Protein backbone atom coordinates (compact mmCIF):
# COMPACT_ATOMS: atom_id res chain seq x y z
CA UNK A 1 148.78 87.23 132.02
CA UNK A 2 148.57 86.29 128.72
CA UNK A 3 147.15 87.74 125.36
CA UNK A 4 143.88 86.60 126.11
CA UNK A 5 143.23 88.87 129.24
CA UNK A 6 144.92 92.02 127.46
CA UNK A 7 142.89 94.63 126.61
CA UNK A 8 143.40 96.37 122.75
CA UNK A 9 144.51 99.47 124.90
CA UNK A 10 147.17 97.82 127.15
CA UNK A 11 150.58 99.18 127.34
CA UNK A 12 152.82 97.64 124.86
CA UNK A 13 156.39 95.88 125.37
CA UNK A 14 156.01 94.59 129.23
CA UNK A 15 155.03 91.64 128.69
CA UNK A 16 156.74 88.34 127.54
CA UNK A 17 154.11 87.40 125.40
CA UNK A 18 153.96 90.49 123.56
CA UNK A 19 156.37 89.09 120.53
CA UNK A 20 153.64 86.36 120.17
CA UNK A 21 150.71 88.38 120.19
CA UNK A 22 152.27 90.92 117.78
CA UNK A 23 153.35 88.13 115.29
CA UNK A 24 149.87 86.67 115.27
CA UNK A 25 148.16 90.07 115.20
CA UNK A 26 150.62 90.40 111.88
CA UNK A 27 149.63 87.11 110.81
CA UNK A 28 145.44 88.02 111.00
CA UNK A 29 146.29 91.32 109.61
CA UNK A 30 147.77 89.85 106.44
CA UNK A 31 144.98 87.27 106.11
CA UNK A 32 142.43 89.81 106.49
CA UNK A 33 143.96 92.31 104.32
CA UNK A 34 144.64 89.62 101.58
CA UNK A 35 141.13 88.39 101.52
CA UNK A 36 139.61 91.74 99.37
CA UNK A 37 142.39 91.38 96.90
CA UNK A 38 140.25 88.89 94.18
CA UNK A 39 137.12 91.15 94.75
CA UNK A 40 138.95 94.54 94.52
CA UNK A 41 140.68 93.40 91.31
CA UNK A 42 136.94 91.85 89.98
CA UNK A 43 135.46 95.17 91.07
CA UNK A 44 138.34 97.19 88.95
CA UNK A 45 137.50 94.79 85.86
CA UNK A 46 134.27 95.64 85.83
CA UNK A 47 135.18 99.38 85.76
CA UNK A 48 137.00 98.78 83.09
CA UNK A 49 134.14 97.29 81.00
CA UNK A 50 132.48 100.72 81.37
CA UNK A 51 134.19 102.21 78.55
CA UNK A 52 133.72 101.65 75.01
CA UNK A 53 135.31 98.07 73.66
CA UNK A 54 134.86 99.58 70.03
CA UNK A 55 132.58 96.40 69.04
CA UNK A 56 135.00 94.17 70.21
CA UNK A 57 134.58 90.87 71.65
CA UNK A 58 136.59 90.21 74.60
CA UNK A 59 134.84 87.15 76.16
CA UNK A 60 138.06 84.65 75.18
CA UNK A 61 140.23 87.07 76.85
CA UNK A 62 137.57 87.26 80.08
CA UNK A 63 138.11 83.51 80.22
CA UNK A 64 141.83 83.77 80.07
CA UNK A 65 141.95 86.30 82.99
CA UNK A 66 139.91 84.65 85.12
CA UNK A 67 142.04 81.27 84.69
CA UNK A 68 144.96 83.55 85.57
CA UNK A 69 143.50 84.93 88.45
CA UNK A 70 142.37 81.69 89.82
CA UNK A 71 145.65 80.24 89.09
CA UNK A 72 147.83 83.04 90.53
CA UNK A 73 146.09 84.55 93.13
CA UNK A 74 146.59 81.98 95.93
CA UNK A 75 150.54 82.23 95.32
CA UNK A 76 150.40 86.40 95.31
CA UNK A 77 147.65 87.12 98.51
CA UNK A 78 149.55 86.23 100.93
CA UNK A 79 152.37 88.67 99.76
CA UNK A 80 149.53 91.36 98.73
CA UNK A 81 148.23 90.93 102.31
CA UNK A 82 151.49 91.04 104.56
CA UNK A 83 152.42 94.17 102.63
CA UNK A 84 149.02 96.46 103.02
CA UNK A 85 149.12 95.18 106.51
CA UNK A 86 152.65 96.46 107.35
CA UNK A 87 152.21 99.25 105.44
CA UNK A 88 148.66 100.27 106.45
CA UNK A 89 146.76 97.97 109.31
CA UNK A 90 149.78 97.60 111.76
CA UNK A 91 150.76 101.03 111.86
CA UNK A 92 147.29 102.38 111.99
CA UNK A 93 146.50 99.22 114.85
CA UNK A 94 149.60 100.70 116.94
CA UNK A 95 148.91 104.34 116.72
CA UNK A 96 144.91 103.44 117.86
CA UNK A 97 146.21 101.58 120.99
CA UNK A 98 148.50 104.21 122.08
CA UNK A 99 145.54 107.08 121.55
CA UNK A 100 142.88 104.57 123.21
CA UNK A 101 145.19 104.92 126.28
CA UNK A 102 145.21 108.40 126.71
CA UNK A 103 141.92 109.56 125.09
CA UNK A 104 138.12 108.24 125.21
CA UNK A 105 136.93 105.85 122.72
CA UNK A 106 137.14 102.07 121.88
CA UNK A 107 140.76 101.26 120.14
CA UNK A 108 138.69 99.69 117.02
CA UNK A 109 137.04 103.09 116.43
CA UNK A 110 140.55 104.78 116.60
CA UNK A 111 141.69 102.02 114.37
CA UNK A 112 139.44 103.12 111.74
CA UNK A 113 140.66 106.93 112.12
CA UNK A 114 144.19 106.22 111.80
CA UNK A 115 143.28 103.72 108.75
CA UNK A 116 141.97 107.00 107.08
CA UNK A 117 144.63 109.29 108.09
CA UNK A 118 147.09 106.82 106.66
CA UNK A 119 145.20 106.31 103.39
CA UNK A 120 145.66 110.22 103.07
CA UNK A 121 149.21 110.08 104.05
CA UNK A 122 149.75 107.05 100.94
CA UNK A 123 147.45 108.80 98.50
CA UNK A 124 149.92 112.40 99.04
CA UNK A 125 153.08 109.90 98.51
CA UNK A 126 151.55 108.64 95.09
CA UNK A 127 150.33 111.56 93.94
CA UNK A 128 154.05 113.13 94.30
CA UNK A 129 155.56 110.01 92.72
CA UNK A 130 153.26 108.53 90.38
CA UNK A 131 150.85 111.55 89.94
CA UNK A 132 147.72 109.57 91.18
CA UNK A 133 144.65 111.54 91.79
CA UNK A 134 145.02 112.29 95.22
CA UNK A 135 141.07 112.73 96.17
CA UNK A 136 140.22 109.14 94.50
CA UNK A 137 143.39 107.40 95.99
CA UNK A 138 142.76 108.71 99.46
CA UNK A 139 139.26 107.35 98.77
CA UNK A 140 140.06 104.08 97.72
CA UNK A 141 142.90 103.61 100.10
CA UNK A 142 140.56 104.38 102.88
CA UNK A 143 137.48 101.97 101.96
CA UNK A 144 140.18 99.20 101.43
CA UNK A 145 141.20 99.51 105.18
CA UNK A 146 137.65 99.74 106.78
CA UNK A 147 137.16 95.69 105.93
CA UNK A 148 140.46 94.45 107.21
CA UNK A 149 139.83 96.57 110.50
CA UNK A 150 136.48 95.35 111.62
CA UNK A 151 138.39 91.73 110.41
CA UNK A 152 141.22 91.87 112.88
CA UNK A 153 138.66 93.18 115.59
CA UNK A 154 136.87 89.87 115.48
CA UNK A 155 140.19 87.91 115.25
CA UNK A 156 140.84 89.48 118.49
CA UNK A 157 137.84 88.79 120.22
CA UNK A 158 138.34 84.86 119.33
CA UNK A 159 141.79 85.18 120.90
CA UNK A 160 140.32 86.50 123.92
CA UNK A 161 137.13 84.01 123.81
CA UNK A 162 139.39 81.01 123.02
CA UNK A 163 142.48 82.31 125.38
CA UNK A 164 145.27 81.87 122.99
CA UNK A 165 146.39 83.30 119.81
CA UNK A 166 144.77 82.84 116.51
CA UNK A 167 146.86 80.26 114.69
CA UNK A 168 148.01 80.63 111.07
CA UNK A 169 145.25 78.50 109.40
CA UNK A 170 142.45 79.88 112.53
CA UNK A 171 142.65 83.10 110.40
CA UNK A 172 143.66 82.28 106.68
CA UNK A 173 140.69 79.48 106.20
CA UNK A 174 138.22 81.85 107.39
CA UNK A 175 139.88 84.64 105.51
CA UNK A 176 139.97 82.51 102.20
CA UNK A 177 136.24 81.40 102.68
CA UNK A 178 135.27 85.03 102.93
CA UNK A 179 137.17 86.18 100.17
CA UNK A 180 135.44 83.68 97.64
CA UNK A 181 131.97 84.49 99.40
CA UNK A 182 133.02 88.01 98.75
CA UNK A 183 134.10 87.47 95.24
CA UNK A 184 131.07 85.43 94.02
CA UNK A 185 128.72 87.86 95.26
CA UNK A 186 130.33 90.49 93.37
CA UNK A 187 130.55 88.36 90.16
CA UNK A 188 126.82 87.39 90.59
CA UNK A 189 125.97 90.90 91.45
CA UNK A 190 128.18 92.26 88.19
CA UNK A 191 126.36 89.69 86.29
CA UNK A 192 122.61 90.66 87.13
CA UNK A 193 123.69 94.31 86.93
CA UNK A 194 125.03 93.48 83.47
CA UNK A 195 121.92 91.97 82.48
CA UNK A 196 119.51 94.65 83.41
CA UNK A 197 121.75 97.50 82.33
CA UNK A 198 122.71 98.97 85.53
CA UNK A 199 126.36 98.47 84.38
CA UNK A 200 128.07 98.48 81.08
CA UNK A 201 129.01 100.78 78.16
CA UNK A 202 126.21 102.62 76.41
CA UNK A 203 127.04 104.25 73.05
CA UNK A 204 126.01 107.90 72.91
CA UNK A 205 122.54 108.56 71.05
CA UNK A 206 123.44 111.34 68.24
CA UNK A 207 121.13 112.86 65.88
CA UNK A 208 122.20 113.62 62.44
CA UNK A 209 122.55 117.26 63.15
CA UNK A 210 124.79 116.58 65.90
CA UNK A 211 126.72 113.87 63.42
CA UNK A 212 127.36 116.86 61.23
CA UNK A 213 130.93 118.63 61.03
CA UNK A 214 134.20 117.70 60.79
CA UNK A 215 135.76 114.46 62.46
CA UNK A 216 139.75 113.68 62.00
CA UNK A 217 141.77 110.54 63.21
CA UNK A 218 145.38 109.81 63.29
CA UNK A 219 147.71 110.03 59.74
CA UNK A 220 145.60 113.11 58.20
CA UNK A 221 142.49 111.24 58.32
CA UNK A 222 139.40 113.42 57.92
CA UNK A 223 135.80 113.08 57.35
CA UNK A 224 133.53 115.91 56.85
CA UNK A 225 129.71 115.48 57.28
CA UNK A 226 127.55 118.08 55.57
CA UNK A 227 123.84 118.49 56.18
CA UNK A 228 122.54 117.87 52.91
CA UNK A 229 123.98 114.53 53.26
CA UNK A 230 127.57 114.96 51.15
CA UNK A 231 130.31 113.83 52.63
CA UNK A 232 134.06 114.84 52.29
CA UNK A 233 136.72 112.50 52.54
CA UNK A 234 140.67 113.00 53.36
CA UNK A 235 143.22 110.11 53.87
CA UNK A 236 139.99 108.10 55.23
CA UNK A 237 140.52 104.63 55.20
CA UNK A 238 137.50 102.57 53.60
CA UNK A 239 136.35 99.07 53.25
CA UNK A 240 138.64 98.03 50.31
CA UNK A 241 136.75 96.43 47.19
CA UNK A 242 138.77 93.04 47.41
CA UNK A 243 136.82 92.47 51.07
CA UNK A 244 139.98 90.52 51.81
CA UNK A 245 140.31 90.73 55.56
CA UNK A 246 143.80 89.33 55.74
CA UNK A 247 145.44 92.38 53.24
CA UNK A 248 148.34 94.39 54.90
CA UNK A 249 146.50 96.75 55.50
CA UNK A 250 143.03 95.22 55.32
CA UNK A 251 141.28 98.58 54.01
CA UNK A 252 141.78 101.14 51.40
CA UNK A 253 142.71 105.10 51.90
CA UNK A 254 140.54 106.88 50.05
CA UNK A 255 139.80 110.71 49.14
CA UNK A 256 137.02 112.72 47.41
CA UNK A 257 133.47 113.42 47.81
CA UNK A 258 130.24 111.10 48.44
CA UNK A 259 127.29 110.74 50.88
CA UNK A 260 126.39 109.92 54.28
CA UNK A 261 123.48 108.66 56.02
CA UNK A 262 122.60 107.03 59.23
CA UNK A 263 122.19 103.59 59.86
CA UNK A 264 122.79 100.81 62.20
CA UNK A 265 125.43 97.62 62.60
CA UNK A 266 125.18 95.20 64.99
CA UNK A 267 123.88 96.75 68.31
CA UNK A 268 125.45 100.46 67.09
CA UNK A 269 124.25 103.05 65.55
CA UNK A 270 126.38 104.20 62.85
CA UNK A 271 127.31 106.70 59.68
CA UNK A 272 127.42 104.87 56.29
CA UNK A 273 129.76 106.93 54.13
CA UNK A 274 129.80 106.11 50.04
CA UNK A 275 132.06 107.46 47.74
CA UNK A 276 131.12 109.09 44.19
CA UNK A 277 134.64 107.35 42.54
CA UNK A 278 135.43 103.67 42.77
CA UNK A 279 137.55 103.98 45.48
CA UNK A 280 136.16 101.75 48.32
CA UNK A 281 133.08 100.48 49.31
CA UNK A 282 130.46 101.73 51.57
CA UNK A 283 131.76 102.21 55.32
CA UNK A 284 130.17 101.97 58.50
CA UNK A 285 131.50 104.29 61.25
CA UNK A 286 129.91 103.40 63.99
CA UNK A 287 129.41 105.67 66.90
CA UNK A 288 131.10 105.70 70.26
CA UNK A 289 132.51 107.68 73.02
CA UNK A 290 130.56 109.76 75.43
CA UNK A 291 127.59 112.34 74.80
CA UNK A 292 130.31 115.18 75.82
CA UNK A 293 132.99 113.25 73.59
CA UNK A 294 131.59 111.07 70.89
CA UNK A 295 133.73 109.38 68.43
CA UNK A 296 133.14 107.27 65.00
CA UNK A 297 134.80 104.35 64.67
CA UNK A 298 135.39 101.39 62.16
CA UNK A 299 136.78 97.97 62.26
CA UNK A 300 138.98 96.50 59.15
CA UNK A 301 139.91 92.98 58.60
CA UNK A 302 139.68 90.03 60.68
CA UNK A 303 136.93 90.22 63.46
CA UNK A 304 138.96 88.70 66.04
CA UNK A 305 142.20 90.61 65.17
CA UNK A 306 140.66 93.97 63.67
CA UNK A 307 142.59 97.22 62.61
CA UNK A 308 140.23 99.97 64.32
CA UNK A 309 140.56 103.58 63.34
CA UNK A 310 138.89 106.19 65.48
CA UNK A 311 137.73 109.76 64.60
CA UNK A 312 137.12 112.58 67.21
CA UNK A 313 135.50 116.11 66.53
CA UNK A 314 137.57 118.41 64.54
């Protein structure tokens, strides 16, 4: 009897075709694991865009990253898929088949159970070695195991139907097409969600009363905003009188008193600070951060390579 007639819960190691079956299953497991990595990378990148970019424009960086991903991914995917299959999917499958011989239930269901259990184990390892957040890591690893388990079950059924183990191209080509399709679906969905405002960073809306108080930054920089519209600056960068983008640094550090008001620059609400003395020019400190941890920031110099100063609640 060959692999095609053998149920998932048959005893292992007692048939001549076991080595072929094991290699074919490892190949299939590597392929289905590898298929998700481009989409996982895209989802991770979309997640990083939820944070504040401090008014920067990274479209050129996105194009560069996308080009690198397109060129490098086909070379990296097989190795990443193999590593994940060996560490996660194959051990879970072996445990599932052993369990299915003694306990009721389909092997694929036990495969999912053990994939989740191994996710917890690996999450504990990463938490101990690298201090990764345990619950988040376990959840992500468990979710990463669902599609490969279902995909591997698909290839097993095909092998039983065709009567022979699935070859290299028989599993890698479908995985490649599935990977591209899933990547494009997430990409288009991400673009649409960004357009309609479902994802993407939104700066907090702060009233004048919420802006009053002390704000502090690096190197002793401080800005005090009083309710009466008065401002007090300590070692605070401001727009230089020359306006030279390429000066080093492209700002002037000022101290003294002045006034402030709310304003807007670009797509951001901002605090407009003017000094009473002749040090620097009025400076727009744009509002960033989150509702619970608001920030003020200003960009100085070349817009494509700006110096960014950030102030937080003092």
